[in-house]
Amino acid sequence: MILEVAMLQVKAGQEAAFEAAFAEAQAIISGMAGYVSHQLQRCLEVRGRYVLLVNWQTLEDHTVGFRSSAEYQDWKRLLHHFYEPLPTVEHFELVAGQTGGAA
């Protein structure tokens, strides 16, 4: 599994509109081949900063399948005008981890 990490900076004052648009856009990404799960998280320290975490089965599911699709054009139309600057997107693979259990 591959983790896509996108650092998003939303233009000042447009956070609520962005979150509403994302509520619509998440249906696009969740319907794509190779999609596993996603989270959008809002930064507590910096207003307008978000991180989007998307798990894909393979790197190509994101970089080729999603980004080359007609659905990606809808995604861009809904979301990309909110960003300043454009997001930084990187991909990660698990090295070590733990799920559940006691703290």
PDB file of N, CA and C in Angstrom:
ATOM      1  N   MET A   1       0.845  -1.175   0.000  1.00  0.00           N
ATOM      2  CA  MET A   1       0.000   0.000   0.000  1.00  0.00           C
ATOM      3  C   MET A   1       0.893   1.242   0.000  1.00  0.00           C
ATOM      4  N   ILE A   2       0.437   2.279  -0.664  1.00  0.00           N
ATOM      5  CA  ILE A   2       1.154   3.544  -0.800  1.00  0.00           C
ATOM      6  C   ILE A   2       0.342   4.647  -0.124  1.00  0.00           C
ATOM      7  N   LEU A   3       1.023   5.513   0.619  1.00  0.00           N
ATOM      8  CA  LEU A   3       0.385   6.659   1.257  1.00  0.00           C
ATOM      9  C   LEU A   3       0.744   7.919   0.488  1.00  0.00           C
ATOM     10  N   GLU A   4      -0.260   8.576  -0.048  1.00  0.00           N
ATOM     11  CA  GLU A   4      -0.095   9.892  -0.670  1.00  0.00           C
ATOM     12  C   GLU A   4      -0.283  10.940   0.423  1.00  0.00           C
ATOM     13  N   VAL A   5       0.655  11.873   0.515  1.00  0.00           N
ATOM     14  CA  VAL A   5       0.587  12.954   1.496  1.00  0.00           C
ATOM     15  C   VAL A   5       0.605  14.263   0.729  1.00  0.00           C
ATOM     16  N   ALA A   6      -0.482  15.019   0.833  1.00  0.00           N
ATOM     17  CA  ALA A   6      -0.583  16.312   0.154  1.00  0.00           C
ATOM     18  C   ALA A   6      -0.730  17.402   1.205  1.00  0.00           C
ATOM     19  N   MET A   7       0.225  18.333   1.213  1.00  0.00           N
ATOM     20  CA  MET A   7       0.147  19.485   2.104  1.00  0.00           C
ATOM     21  C   MET A   7      -0.601  20.588   1.362  1.00  0.00           C
ATOM     22  N   LEU A   8      -1.711  21.021   1.942  1.00  0.00           N
ATOM     23  CA  LEU A   8      -2.587  21.981   1.287  1.00  0.00           C
ATOM     24  C   LEU A   8      -2.616  23.282   2.075  1.00  0.00           C
ATOM     25  N   GLN A   9      -2.430  24.391   1.396  1.00  0.00           N
ATOM     26  CA  GLN A   9      -2.614  25.704   2.007  1.00  0.00           C
ATOM     27  C   GLN A   9      -3.767  26.382   1.283  1.00  0.00           C
ATOM     28  N   VAL A  10      -4.852  26.590   2.006  1.00  0.00           N
ATOM     29  CA  VAL A  10      -6.064  27.183   1.446  1.00  0.00           C
ATOM     30  C   VAL A  10      -5.997  28.699   1.634  1.00  0.00           C
ATOM     31  N   LYS A  11      -6.431  29.418   0.621  1.00  0.00           N
ATOM     32  CA  LYS A  11      -6.431  30.881   0.670  1.00  0.00           C
ATOM     33  C   LYS A  11      -7.226  31.379   1.881  1.00  0.00           C
ATOM     34  N   ALA A  12      -6.726  32.424   2.508  1.00  0.00           N
ATOM     35  CA  ALA A  12      -7.338  32.985   3.716  1.00  0.00           C
ATOM     36  C   ALA A  12      -8.810  33.302   3.485  1.00  0.00           C
ATOM     37  N   GLY A  13      -9.628  32.896   4.442  1.00  0.00           N
ATOM     38  CA  GLY A  13     -11.055  33.182   4.402  1.00  0.00           C
ATOM     39  C   GLY A  13     -11.868  32.206   3.570  1.00  0.00           C
ATOM     40  N   GLN A  14     -11.203  31.239   2.930  1.00  0.00           N
ATOM     41  CA  GLN A  14     -11.924  30.300   2.070  1.00  0.00           C
ATOM     42  C   GLN A  14     -11.986  28.890   2.657  1.00  0.00           C
ATOM     43  N   GLU A  15     -11.656  28.756   3.925  1.00  0.00           N
ATOM     44  CA  GLU A  15     -11.609  27.441   4.552  1.00  0.00           C
ATOM     45  C   GLU A  15     -12.966  26.733   4.546  1.00  0.00           C
ATOM     46  N   ALA A  16     -14.023  27.431   4.906  1.00  0.00           N
ATOM     47  CA  ALA A  16     -15.347  26.800   4.953  1.00  0.00           C
ATOM     48  C   ALA A  16     -15.797  26.360   3.557  1.00  0.00           C
ATOM     49  N   ALA A  17     -15.549  27.196   2.567  1.00  0.00           N
ATOM     50  CA  ALA A  17     -15.914  26.843   1.188  1.00  0.00           C
ATOM     51  C   ALA A  17     -15.091  25.658   0.705  1.00  0.00           C
ATOM     52  N   PHE A  18     -13.801  25.630   1.064  1.00  0.00           N
ATOM     53  CA  PHE A  18     -12.952  24.500   0.703  1.00  0.00           C
ATOM     54  C   PHE A  18     -13.477  23.212   1.327  1.00  0.00           C
ATOM     55  N   GLU A  19     -13.791  23.246   2.607  1.00  0.00           N
ATOM     56  CA  GLU A  19     -14.277  22.042   3.284  1.00  0.00           C
ATOM     57  C   GLU A  19     -15.587  21.556   2.669  1.00  0.00           C
ATOM     58  N   ALA A  20     -16.451  22.462   2.267  1.00  0.00           N
ATOM     59  CA  ALA A  20     -17.705  22.078   1.599  1.00  0.00           C
ATOM     60  C   ALA A  20     -17.422  21.454   0.235  1.00  0.00           C
ATOM     61  N   ALA A  21     -16.493  22.035  -0.511  1.00  0.00           N
ATOM     62  CA  ALA A  21     -16.131  21.482  -1.816  1.00  0.00           C
ATOM     63  C   ALA A  21     -15.471  20.121  -1.652  1.00  0.00           C
ATOM     64  N   PHE A  22     -14.644  19.972  -0.608  1.00  0.00           N
ATOM     65  CA  PHE A  22     -13.996  18.682  -0.379  1.00  0.00           C
ATOM     66  C   PHE A  22     -15.018  17.609  -0.038  1.00  0.00           C
ATOM     67  N   ALA A  23     -16.060  17.972   0.683  1.00  0.00           N
ATOM     68  CA  ALA A  23     -17.117  17.004   1.011  1.00  0.00           C
ATOM     69  C   ALA A  23     -17.716  16.417  -0.264  1.00  0.00           C
ATOM     70  N   GLU A  24     -17.824  17.228  -1.305  1.00  0.00           N
ATOM     71  CA  GLU A  24     -18.300  16.751  -2.606  1.00  0.00           C
ATOM     72  C   GLU A  24     -17.201  15.980  -3.343  1.00  0.00           C
ATOM     73  N   ALA A  25     -15.998  16.505  -3.342  1.00  0.00           N
ATOM     74  CA  ALA A  25     -14.890  15.916  -4.111  1.00  0.00           C
ATOM     75  C   ALA A  25     -14.467  14.550  -3.590  1.00  0.00           C
ATOM     76  N   GLN A  26     -14.646  14.301  -2.291  1.00  0.00           N
ATOM     77  CA  GLN A  26     -14.193  13.014  -1.759  1.00  0.00           C
ATOM     78  C   GLN A  26     -14.935  11.831  -2.367  1.00  0.00           C
ATOM     79  N   ALA A  27     -16.128  12.050  -2.876  1.00  0.00           N
ATOM     80  CA  ALA A  27     -16.843  10.979  -3.569  1.00  0.00           C
ATOM     81  C   ALA A  27     -16.138  10.601  -4.869  1.00  0.00           C
ATOM     82  N   ILE A  28     -15.454  11.560  -5.473  1.00  0.00           N
ATOM     83  CA  ILE A  28     -14.716  11.297  -6.718  1.00  0.00           C
ATOM     84  C   ILE A  28     -13.552  10.359  -6.433  1.00  0.00           C
ATOM     85  N   ILE A  29     -12.716  10.734  -5.490  1.00  0.00           N
ATOM     86  CA  ILE A  29     -11.502   9.953  -5.238  1.00  0.00           C
ATOM     87  C   ILE A  29     -11.836   8.580  -4.672  1.00  0.00           C
ATOM     88  N   SER A  30     -12.855   8.508  -3.834  1.00  0.00           N
ATOM     89  CA  SER A  30     -13.167   7.221  -3.202  1.00  0.00           C
ATOM     90  C   SER A  30     -13.735   6.206  -4.188  1.00  0.00           C
ATOM     91  N   GLY A  31     -14.144   6.666  -5.368  1.00  0.00           N
ATOM     92  CA  GLY A  31     -14.646   5.754  -6.383  1.00  0.00           C
ATOM     93  C   GLY A  31     -13.598   5.282  -7.378  1.00  0.00           C
ATOM     94  N   MET A  32     -12.350   5.699  -7.207  1.00  0.00           N
ATOM     95  CA  MET A  32     -11.303   5.378  -8.173  1.00  0.00           C
ATOM     96  C   MET A  32     -10.711   3.986  -7.926  1.00  0.00           C
ATOM     97  N   ALA A  33     -10.293   3.342  -9.005  1.00  0.00           N
ATOM     98  CA  ALA A  33      -9.624   2.049  -8.902  1.00  0.00           C
ATOM     99  C   ALA A  33      -8.353   2.196  -8.075  1.00  0.00           C
ATOM    100  N   GLY A  34      -8.134   1.286  -7.160  1.00  0.00           N
ATOM    101  CA  GLY A  34      -6.935   1.303  -6.332  1.00  0.00           C
ATOM    102  C   GLY A  34      -7.035   2.145  -5.079  1.00  0.00           C
ATOM    103  N   TYR A  35      -8.125   2.906  -4.945  1.00  0.00           N
ATOM    104  CA  TYR A  35      -8.326   3.716  -3.739  1.00  0.00           C
ATOM    105  C   TYR A  35      -8.577   2.792  -2.555  1.00  0.00           C
ATOM    106  N   VAL A  36      -7.975   3.122  -1.395  1.00  0.00           N
ATOM    107  CA  VAL A  36      -8.180   2.348  -0.174  1.00  0.00           C
ATOM    108  C   VAL A  36      -8.920   3.181   0.875  1.00  0.00           C
ATOM    109  N   SER A  37      -8.379   4.366   1.195  1.00  0.00           N
ATOM    110  CA  SER A  37      -8.986   5.222   2.227  1.00  0.00           C
ATOM    111  C   SER A  37      -8.372   6.605   2.152  1.00  0.00           C
ATOM    112  N   HIS A  38      -9.005   7.566   2.858  1.00  0.00           N
ATOM    113  CA  HIS A  38      -8.423   8.910   2.918  1.00  0.00           C
ATOM    114  C   HIS A  38      -8.820   9.606   4.214  1.00  0.00           C
ATOM    115  N   GLN A  39      -8.048  10.634   4.535  1.00  0.00           N
ATOM    116  CA  GLN A  39      -8.337  11.533   5.657  1.00  0.00           C
ATOM    117  C   GLN A  39      -7.949  12.941   5.239  1.00  0.00           C
ATOM    118  N   LEU A  40      -8.786  13.900   5.583  1.00  0.00           N
ATOM    119  CA  LEU A  40      -8.428  15.308   5.463  1.00  0.00           C
ATOM    120  C   LEU A  40      -8.351  15.843   6.882  1.00  0.00           C
ATOM    121  N   GLN A  41      -7.196  16.412   7.243  1.00  0.00           N
ATOM    122  CA  GLN A  41      -7.028  16.931   8.592  1.00  0.00           C
ATOM    123  C   GLN A  41      -6.643  18.405   8.532  1.00  0.00           C
ATOM    124  N   ARG A  42      -7.223  19.182   9.457  1.00  0.00           N
ATOM    125  CA  ARG A  42      -6.983  20.627   9.557  1.00  0.00           C
ATOM    126  C   ARG A  42      -5.910  20.878  10.597  1.00  0.00           C
ATOM    127  N   CYS A  43      -4.952  21.721  10.275  1.00  0.00           N
ATOM    128  CA  CYS A  43      -3.873  22.083  11.189  1.00  0.00           C
ATOM    129  C   CYS A  43      -4.417  22.970  12.315  1.00  0.00           C
ATOM    130  N   LEU A  44      -3.967  22.714  13.523  1.00  0.00           N
ATOM    131  CA  LEU A  44      -4.385  23.515  14.675  1.00  0.00           C
ATOM    132  C   LEU A  44      -3.561  24.786  14.837  1.00  0.00           C
ATOM    133  N   GLU A  45      -2.332  24.766  14.343  1.00  0.00           N
ATOM    134  CA  GLU A  45      -1.449  25.915  14.537  1.00  0.00           C
ATOM    135  C   GLU A  45      -1.499  26.944  13.410  1.00  0.00           C
ATOM    136  N   VAL A  46      -1.763  26.498  12.191  1.00  0.00           N
ATOM    137  CA  VAL A  46      -1.711  27.404  11.044  1.00  0.00           C
ATOM    138  C   VAL A  46      -3.053  27.419  10.339  1.00  0.00           C
ATOM    139  N   ARG A  47      -3.729  28.543  10.385  1.00  0.00           N
ATOM    140  CA  ARG A  47      -5.035  28.680   9.759  1.00  0.00           C
ATOM    141  C   ARG A  47      -4.923  28.429   8.250  1.00  0.00           C
ATOM    142  N   GLY A  48      -5.823  27.633   7.736  1.00  0.00           N
ATOM    143  CA  GLY A  48      -5.853  27.355   6.305  1.00  0.00           C
ATOM    144  C   GLY A  48      -4.956  26.220   5.849  1.00  0.00           C
ATOM    145  N   ARG A  49      -4.188  25.628   6.753  1.00  0.00           N
ATOM    146  CA  ARG A  49      -3.314  24.511   6.375  1.00  0.00           C
ATOM    147  C   ARG A  49      -4.032  23.188   6.660  1.00  0.00           C
ATOM    148  N   TYR A  50      -3.963  22.286   5.687  1.00  0.00           N
ATOM    149  CA  TYR A  50      -4.567  20.962   5.783  1.00  0.00           C
ATOM    150  C   TYR A  50      -3.549  19.941   5.296  1.00  0.00           C
ATOM    151  N   VAL A  51      -3.754  18.707   5.708  1.00  0.00           N
ATOM    152  CA  VAL A  51      -3.018  17.597   5.125  1.00  0.00           C
ATOM    153  C   VAL A  51      -4.049  16.581   4.636  1.00  0.00           C
ATOM    154  N   LEU A  52      -3.857  16.139   3.405  1.00  0.00           N
ATOM    155  CA  LEU A  52      -4.697  15.096   2.821  1.00  0.00           C
ATOM    156  C   LEU A  52      -3.869  13.825   2.751  1.00  0.00           C
ATOM    157  N   LEU A  53      -4.365  12.777   3.371  1.00  0.00           N
ATOM    158  CA  LEU A  53      -3.701  11.477   3.392  1.00  0.00           C
ATOM    159  C   LEU A  53      -4.580  10.504   2.622  1.00  0.00           C
ATOM    160  N   VAL A  54      -4.034   9.904   1.563  1.00  0.00           N
ATOM    161  CA  VAL A  54      -4.795   8.955   0.762  1.00  0.00           C
ATOM    162  C   VAL A  54      -3.992   7.671   0.640  1.00  0.00           C
ATOM    163  N   ASN A  55      -4.604   6.563   0.984  1.00  0.00           N
ATOM    164  CA  ASN A  55      -3.981   5.258   0.803  1.00  0.00           C
ATOM    165  C   ASN A  55      -4.429   4.682  -0.534  1.00  0.00           C
ATOM    166  N   TRP A  56      -3.450   4.280  -1.327  1.00  0.00           N
ATOM    167  CA  TRP A  56      -3.670   3.659  -2.636  1.00  0.00           C
ATOM    168  C   TRP A  56      -3.062   2.258  -2.617  1.00  0.00           C
ATOM    169  N   GLN A  57      -3.605   1.375  -3.431  1.00  0.00           N
ATOM    170  CA  GLN A  57      -3.026   0.036  -3.528  1.00  0.00           C
ATOM    171  C   GLN A  57      -1.637   0.096  -4.158  1.00  0.00           C
ATOM    172  N   THR A  58      -1.465   0.912  -5.209  1.00  0.00           N
ATOM    173  CA  THR A  58      -0.156   1.057  -5.863  1.00  0.00           C
ATOM    174  C   THR A  58       0.088   2.535  -6.164  1.00  0.00           C
ATOM    175  N   LEU A  59       1.329   2.889  -6.392  1.00  0.00           N
ATOM    176  CA  LEU A  59       1.684   4.254  -6.772  1.00  0.00           C
ATOM    177  C   LEU A  59       0.981   4.636  -8.070  1.00  0.00           C
ATOM    178  N   GLU A  60       0.944   3.712  -9.022  1.00  0.00           N
ATOM    179  CA  GLU A  60       0.340   3.988 -10.326  1.00  0.00           C
ATOM    180  C   GLU A  60      -1.161   4.220 -10.240  1.00  0.00           C
ATOM    181  N   ASP A  61      -1.816   3.647  -9.226  1.00  0.00           N
ATOM    182  CA  ASP A  61      -3.251   3.918  -9.060  1.00  0.00           C
ATOM    183  C   ASP A  61      -3.490   5.413  -8.888  1.00  0.00           C
ATOM    184  N   HIS A  62      -2.549   6.096  -8.232  1.00  0.00           N
ATOM    185  CA  HIS A  62      -2.680   7.538  -8.062  1.00  0.00           C
ATOM    186  C   HIS A  62      -2.089   8.299  -9.242  1.00  0.00           C
ATOM    187  N   THR A  63      -0.815   8.031  -9.551  1.00  0.00           N
ATOM    188  CA  THR A  63      -0.093   8.861 -10.512  1.00  0.00           C
ATOM    189  C   THR A  63      -0.551   8.675 -11.950  1.00  0.00           C
ATOM    190  N   VAL A  64      -1.031   7.487 -12.284  1.00  0.00           N
ATOM    191  CA  VAL A  64      -1.498   7.219 -13.644  1.00  0.00           C
ATOM    192  C   VAL A  64      -3.021   7.119 -13.677  1.00  0.00           C
ATOM    193  N   GLY A  65      -3.574   6.187 -12.897  1.00  0.00           N
ATOM    194  CA  GLY A  65      -5.016   5.945 -12.931  1.00  0.00           C
ATOM    195  C   GLY A  65      -5.854   7.163 -12.584  1.00  0.00           C
ATOM    196  N   PHE A  66      -5.597   7.759 -11.428  1.00  0.00           N
ATOM    197  CA  PHE A  66      -6.396   8.907 -10.998  1.00  0.00           C
ATOM    198  C   PHE A  66      -6.040  10.163 -11.777  1.00  0.00           C
ATOM    199  N   ARG A  67      -4.766  10.480 -11.837  1.00  0.00           N
ATOM    200  CA  ARG A  67      -4.358  11.747 -12.468  1.00  0.00           C
ATOM    201  C   ARG A  67      -4.612  11.794 -13.971  1.00  0.00           C
ATOM    202  N   SER A  68      -4.778  10.641 -14.611  1.00  0.00           N
ATOM    203  CA  SER A  68      -5.056  10.611 -16.051  1.00  0.00           C
ATOM    204  C   SER A  68      -6.545  10.500 -16.351  1.00  0.00           C
ATOM    205  N   SER A  69      -7.360  10.485 -15.333  1.00  0.00           N
ATOM    206  CA  SER A  69      -8.793  10.224 -15.517  1.00  0.00           C
ATOM    207  C   SER A  69      -9.601  11.499 -15.735  1.00  0.00           C
ATOM    208  N   ALA A  70     -10.780  11.321 -16.313  1.00  0.00           N
ATOM    209  CA  ALA A  70     -11.734  12.431 -16.434  1.00  0.00           C
ATOM    210  C   ALA A  70     -12.180  12.894 -15.050  1.00  0.00           C
ATOM    211  N   GLU A  71     -12.258  11.968 -14.108  1.00  0.00           N
ATOM    212  CA  GLU A  71     -12.659  12.307 -12.741  1.00  0.00           C
ATOM    213  C   GLU A  71     -11.679  13.279 -12.098  1.00  0.00           C
ATOM    214  N   TYR A  72     -10.385  13.158 -12.451  1.00  0.00           N
ATOM    215  CA  TYR A  72      -9.390  14.080 -11.899  1.00  0.00           C
ATOM    216  C   TYR A  72      -9.666  15.512 -12.347  1.00  0.00           C
ATOM    217  N   GLN A  73     -10.162  15.682 -13.549  1.00  0.00           N
ATOM    218  CA  GLN A  73     -10.507  17.029 -14.023  1.00  0.00           C
ATOM    219  C   GLN A  73     -11.622  17.626 -13.168  1.00  0.00           C
ATOM    220  N   ASP A  74     -12.586  16.798 -12.761  1.00  0.00           N
ATOM    221  CA  ASP A  74     -13.644  17.262 -11.854  1.00  0.00           C
ATOM    222  C   ASP A  74     -13.067  17.618 -10.484  1.00  0.00           C
ATOM    223  N   TRP A  75     -12.152  16.788  -9.994  1.00  0.00           N
ATOM    224  CA  TRP A  75     -11.463  17.027  -8.717  1.00  0.00           C
ATOM    225  C   TRP A  75     -10.746  18.380  -8.749  1.00  0.00           C
ATOM    226  N   LYS A  76      -9.973  18.619  -9.809  1.00  0.00           N
ATOM    227  CA  LYS A  76      -9.256  19.885  -9.958  1.00  0.00           C
ATOM    228  C   LYS A  76     -10.219  21.065 -10.003  1.00  0.00           C
ATOM    229  N   ARG A  77     -11.305  20.921 -10.745  1.00  0.00           N
ATOM    230  CA  ARG A  77     -12.285  21.996 -10.876  1.00  0.00           C
ATOM    231  C   ARG A  77     -12.878  22.363  -9.518  1.00  0.00           C
ATOM    232  N   LEU A  78     -13.140  21.373  -8.702  1.00  0.00           N
ATOM    233  CA  LEU A  78     -13.730  21.606  -7.383  1.00  0.00           C
ATOM    234  C   LEU A  78     -12.748  22.195  -6.378  1.00  0.00           C
ATOM    235  N   LEU A  79     -11.466  21.811  -6.454  1.00  0.00           N
ATOM    236  CA  LEU A  79     -10.552  22.100  -5.349  1.00  0.00           C
ATOM    237  C   LEU A  79      -9.359  23.001  -5.653  1.00  0.00           C
ATOM    238  N   HIS A  80      -8.793  22.918  -6.829  1.00  0.00           N
ATOM    239  CA  HIS A  80      -7.491  23.547  -7.046  1.00  0.00           C
ATOM    240  C   HIS A  80      -7.502  25.068  -6.948  1.00  0.00           C
ATOM    241  N   HIS A  81      -8.613  25.711  -7.165  1.00  0.00           N
ATOM    242  CA  HIS A  81      -8.646  27.175  -7.069  1.00  0.00           C
ATOM    243  C   HIS A  81      -8.555  27.673  -5.626  1.00  0.00           C
ATOM    244  N   PHE A  82      -8.676  26.771  -4.646  1.00  0.00           N
ATOM    245  CA  PHE A  82      -8.569  27.160  -3.239  1.00  0.00           C
ATOM    246  C   PHE A  82      -7.117  27.267  -2.771  1.00  0.00           C
ATOM    247  N   TYR A  83      -6.173  26.667  -3.493  1.00  0.00           N
ATOM    248  CA  TYR A  83      -4.807  26.522  -2.994  1.00  0.00           C
ATOM    249  C   TYR A  83      -3.901  27.677  -3.392  1.00  0.00           C
ATOM    250  N   GLU A  84      -3.088  28.110  -2.417  1.00  0.00           N
ATOM    251  CA  GLU A  84      -2.046  29.101  -2.669  1.00  0.00           C
ATOM    252  C   GLU A  84      -0.928  28.860  -1.676  1.00  0.00           C
ATOM    253  N   PRO A  85       0.171  28.248  -2.067  1.00  0.00           N
ATOM    254  CA  PRO A  85       0.534  27.781  -3.408  1.00  0.00           C
ATOM    255  C   PRO A  85      -0.092  26.422  -3.713  1.00  0.00           C
ATOM    256  N   LEU A  86       0.193  25.890  -4.904  1.00  0.00           N
ATOM    257  CA  LEU A  86      -0.276  24.555  -5.244  1.00  0.00           C
ATOM    258  C   LEU A  86       0.332  23.550  -4.266  1.00  0.00           C
ATOM    259  N   PRO A  87      -0.379  22.475  -3.974  1.00  0.00           N
ATOM    260  CA  PRO A  87       0.070  21.517  -2.961  1.00  0.00           C
ATOM    261  C   PRO A  87       1.378  20.811  -3.319  1.00  0.00           C
ATOM    262  N   THR A  88       2.083  20.438  -2.276  1.00  0.00           N
ATOM    263  CA  THR A  88       3.207  19.513  -2.383  1.00  0.00           C
ATOM    264  C   THR A  88       2.640  18.117  -2.154  1.00  0.00           C
ATOM    265  N   VAL A  89       2.911  17.200  -3.083  1.00  0.00           N
ATOM    266  CA  VAL A  89       2.393  15.836  -2.976  1.00  0.00           C
ATOM    267  C   VAL A  89       3.564  14.870  -3.021  1.00  0.00           C
ATOM    268  N   GLU A  90       3.634  13.992  -2.022  1.00  0.00           N
ATOM    269  CA  GLU A  90       4.670  12.968  -1.967  1.00  0.00           C
ATOM    270  C   GLU A  90       4.028  11.630  -1.641  1.00  0.00           C
ATOM    271  N   HIS A  91       4.752  10.555  -1.945  1.00  0.00           N
ATOM    272  CA  HIS A  91       4.248   9.206  -1.732  1.00  0.00           C
ATOM    273  C   HIS A  91       5.195   8.452  -0.803  1.00  0.00           C
ATOM    274  N   PHE A  92       4.617   7.654   0.083  1.00  0.00           N
ATOM    275  CA  PHE A  92       5.385   6.933   1.096  1.00  0.00           C
ATOM    276  C   PHE A  92       4.964   5.469   1.129  1.00  0.00           C
ATOM    277  N   GLU A  93       5.922   4.618   1.544  1.00  0.00           N
ATOM    278  CA  GLU A  93       5.621   3.217   1.771  1.00  0.00           C
ATOM    279  C   GLU A  93       5.981   2.885   3.211  1.00  0.00           C
ATOM    280  N   LEU A  94       5.238   1.978   3.793  1.00  0.00           N
ATOM    281  CA  LEU A  94       5.404   1.615   5.191  1.00  0.00           C
ATOM    282  C   LEU A  94       6.722   0.889   5.419  1.00  0.00           C
ATOM    283  N   VAL A  95       7.455   1.327   6.429  1.00  0.00           N
ATOM    284  CA  VAL A  95       8.686   0.673   6.857  1.00  0.00           C
ATOM    285  C   VAL A  95       8.439  -0.106   8.133  1.00  0.00           C
ATOM    286  N   ALA A  96       7.764   0.533   9.080  1.00  0.00           N
ATOM    287  CA  ALA A  96       7.437  -0.092  10.356  1.00  0.00           C
ATOM    288  C   ALA A  96       6.184   0.563  10.887  1.00  0.00           C
ATOM    289  N   GLY A  97       5.434  -0.146  11.694  1.00  0.00           N
ATOM    290  CA  GLY A  97       4.225   0.444  12.239  1.00  0.00           C
ATOM    291  C   GLY A  97       3.568  -0.443  13.262  1.00  0.00           C
ATOM    292  N   GLN A  98       2.557   0.118  13.879  1.00  0.00           N
ATOM    293  CA  GLN A  98       1.796  -0.591  14.897  1.00  0.00           C
ATOM    294  C   GLN A  98       0.352  -0.149  14.779  1.00  0.00           C
ATOM    295  N   THR A  99      -0.585  -1.042  14.942  1.00  0.00           N
ATOM    296  CA  THR A  99      -2.000  -0.685  14.929  1.00  0.00           C
ATOM    297  C   THR A  99      -2.634  -1.149  16.232  1.00  0.00           C
ATOM    298  N   GLY A 100      -3.552  -0.307  16.732  1.00  0.00           N
ATOM    299  CA  GLY A 100      -4.294  -0.673  17.946  1.00  0.00           C
ATOM    300  C   GLY A 100      -3.390  -0.857  19.147  1.00  0.00           C
ATOM    301  N   GLY A 101      -3.894  -1.552  20.153  1.00  0.00           N
ATOM    302  CA  GLY A 101      -3.104  -1.874  21.321  1.00  0.00           C
ATOM    303  C   GLY A 101      -3.080  -0.776  22.361  1.00  0.00           C
ATOM    304  N   ALA A 102      -2.432  -1.065  23.461  1.00  0.00           N
ATOM    305  CA  ALA A 102      -2.344  -0.123  24.577  1.00  0.00           C
ATOM    306  C   ALA A 102      -1.269   0.925  24.313  1.00  0.00           C
ATOM    307  N   ALA A 103      -1.457   2.098  24.914  1.00  0.00           N
ATOM    308  CA  ALA A 103      -0.491   3.183  24.752  1.00  0.00           C
ATOM    309  C   ALA A 103       0.679   3.032  25.666  1.00  0.00           C
TER     310      ALA A 103
END
